[in-house]
Amino acid sequence: QVQLVESGGGLVQPGGSLRLSCAASGFTFSTYPMSWVRQAPGKGLEWVSDINSGGGGTSYADSVKGRFTISRDNAKNTLYLQMNSLKPDDTAVYYCARGGVAGWGPYDYWGQGTQVTVCS
């Protein structure tokens, strides 16, 4: 069965960095685009970034452009999100999802999420 398992979240001070990982299994990872979506406390889902199946095409929300970098290692079936210059507004549960192109879904599978908290 399809599984997506995020890791790497935590508590970080403003200006700090974190790298999220999403381990995929149960499908041919290298043939699917992948996305990161977040949900801040009390707010709806917000698309963050996506990457095409080969890793050569990426898209970012304006709110994270220039600070976050999405990447993937198809040999390891793993999706990454490098987050730099973190701000308190980046506090959210971060989900990886299968699917998505340039900020549009559909997303057919989701991970359980990993919490990122940015505060001093």
Protein backbone atom coordinates (compact mmCIF):
# COMPACT_ATOMS: atom_id res chain seq x y z
CA GLN A 1 0.00 0.00 0.00
CA VAL A 2 1.08 3.57 -0.56
CA GLN A 3 2.84 5.11 2.43
CA LEU A 4 4.32 8.54 2.91
CA VAL A 5 6.19 9.17 6.15
CA GLU A 6 7.47 12.64 6.99
CA SER A 7 10.26 13.40 9.42
CA GLY A 8 12.58 16.22 10.37
CA GLY A 9 10.22 18.66 11.99
CA GLY A 10 10.92 20.35 15.28
CA LEU A 11 11.35 23.58 17.18
CA VAL A 12 13.67 26.18 15.67
CA GLN A 13 14.41 29.84 16.29
CA PRO A 14 13.58 32.50 13.69
CA GLY A 15 16.28 32.57 11.06
CA GLY A 16 17.10 28.92 11.57
CA SER A 17 16.91 25.97 9.21
CA LEU A 18 15.32 22.56 9.04
CA ARG A 19 15.26 19.82 6.45
CA LEU A 20 12.11 17.76 6.13
CA SER A 21 12.12 14.31 4.58
CA CYS A 22 9.30 12.18 3.22
CA ALA A 23 9.98 8.48 2.75
CA ALA A 24 7.74 6.94 0.13
CA SER A 25 6.84 3.29 -0.37
CA GLY A 26 4.25 1.13 -2.08
CA PHE A 27 4.44 2.80 -5.47
CA THR A 28 6.93 3.72 -8.18
CA PHE A 29 8.11 6.97 -6.64
CA SER A 30 10.12 8.09 -9.65
CA THR A 31 7.04 8.33 -11.85
CA TYR A 32 5.00 10.74 -9.73
CA PRO A 33 5.22 14.45 -9.05
CA MET A 34 5.29 15.23 -5.33
CA SER A 35 4.27 18.18 -3.20
CA TRP A 36 4.62 19.75 0.21
CA VAL A 37 1.52 21.28 1.77
CA ARG A 38 1.25 22.88 5.21
CA GLN A 39 -1.44 23.79 7.68
CA ALA A 40 -0.87 26.51 10.23
CA PRO A 41 -2.80 26.49 13.52
CA GLY A 42 -6.41 27.48 12.91
CA LYS A 43 -5.92 27.88 9.16
CA GLY A 44 -6.59 25.90 6.03
CA LEU A 45 -4.19 23.94 3.89
CA GLU A 46 -1.55 25.96 2.04
CA TRP A 47 0.44 24.60 -0.86
CA VAL A 48 4.17 25.14 -0.34
CA SER A 49 6.05 23.54 -3.21
CA ASP A 50 6.04 20.75 -5.76
CA ILE A 51 8.51 18.91 -7.95
CA ASN A 52 8.08 16.88 -11.10
CA SER A 53 8.85 13.20 -11.30
CA GLY A 54 12.40 13.65 -12.57
CA GLY A 55 13.26 16.46 -10.19
CA GLY A 56 14.04 18.98 -12.90
CA GLY A 57 10.95 21.11 -12.46
CA THR A 58 9.95 22.85 -9.25
CA SER A 59 7.39 25.41 -8.11
CA TYR A 60 7.09 27.43 -4.92
CA ALA A 61 4.49 29.51 -3.14
CA ASP A 62 5.46 33.18 -3.02
CA SER A 63 5.58 32.98 0.77
CA VAL A 64 8.54 30.57 0.70
CA LYS A 65 10.26 31.39 -2.60
CA GLY A 66 13.96 32.01 -2.09
CA ARG A 67 13.97 30.41 1.36
CA PHE A 68 12.77 26.83 0.76
CA THR A 69 14.15 24.26 -1.67
CA ILE A 70 12.34 21.10 -2.69
CA SER A 71 14.30 18.13 -3.98
CA ARG A 72 14.00 14.39 -4.38
CA ASP A 73 16.21 11.33 -4.52
CA ASN A 74 14.45 8.79 -6.69
CA ALA A 75 17.03 6.13 -5.85
CA LYS A 76 16.10 6.48 -2.18
CA ASN A 77 12.35 7.08 -2.75
CA THR A 78 12.61 10.22 -0.66
CA LEU A 79 11.31 13.76 -1.00
CA TYR A 80 12.97 16.66 0.81
CA LEU A 81 12.21 20.22 1.80
CA GLN A 82 15.14 22.36 2.88
CA MET A 83 13.81 25.31 4.85
CA ASN A 84 16.10 28.27 5.54
CA SER A 85 15.53 31.68 7.09
CA LEU A 86 12.51 30.34 8.92
CA LYS A 87 9.91 32.77 10.23
CA PRO A 88 7.23 32.38 12.90
CA ASP A 89 4.65 32.39 10.07
CA ASP A 90 6.19 29.12 8.83
CA THR A 91 4.88 27.37 11.95
CA ALA A 92 2.62 24.60 10.69
CA VAL A 93 2.17 20.89 10.20
CA TYR A 94 3.94 20.00 6.97
CA TYR A 95 2.55 17.21 4.81
CA CYS A 96 4.00 15.53 1.78
CA ALA A 97 1.50 14.49 -0.83
CA ARG A 98 1.60 12.52 -4.03
CA GLY A 99 0.74 14.54 -7.07
CA GLY A 100 0.54 18.22 -7.86
CA VAL A 101 1.88 20.48 -10.59
CA ALA A 102 2.61 24.18 -10.17
CA GLY A 103 0.44 24.43 -7.10
CA TRP A 104 -2.49 22.47 -8.43
CA GLY A 105 -3.60 19.04 -7.32
CA PRO A 106 -4.95 16.54 -7.28
CA TYR A 107 -3.19 14.89 -4.39
CA ASP A 108 -4.23 11.29 -3.92
CA TYR A 109 -2.11 10.24 -0.93
CA TRP A 110 -0.88 12.19 2.08
CA GLY A 111 1.56 11.56 4.88
CA GLN A 112 0.71 12.00 8.55
CA GLY A 113 2.54 15.31 8.78
CA THR A 114 5.44 16.66 10.79
CA GLN A 115 5.23 19.68 13.08
CA VAL A 116 7.46 22.68 12.48
CA THR A 117 7.45 25.38 15.15
CA VAL A 118 9.39 28.59 14.70
CA CYS A 119 9.67 30.73 17.80
CA SER A 120 12.22 32.32 20.02
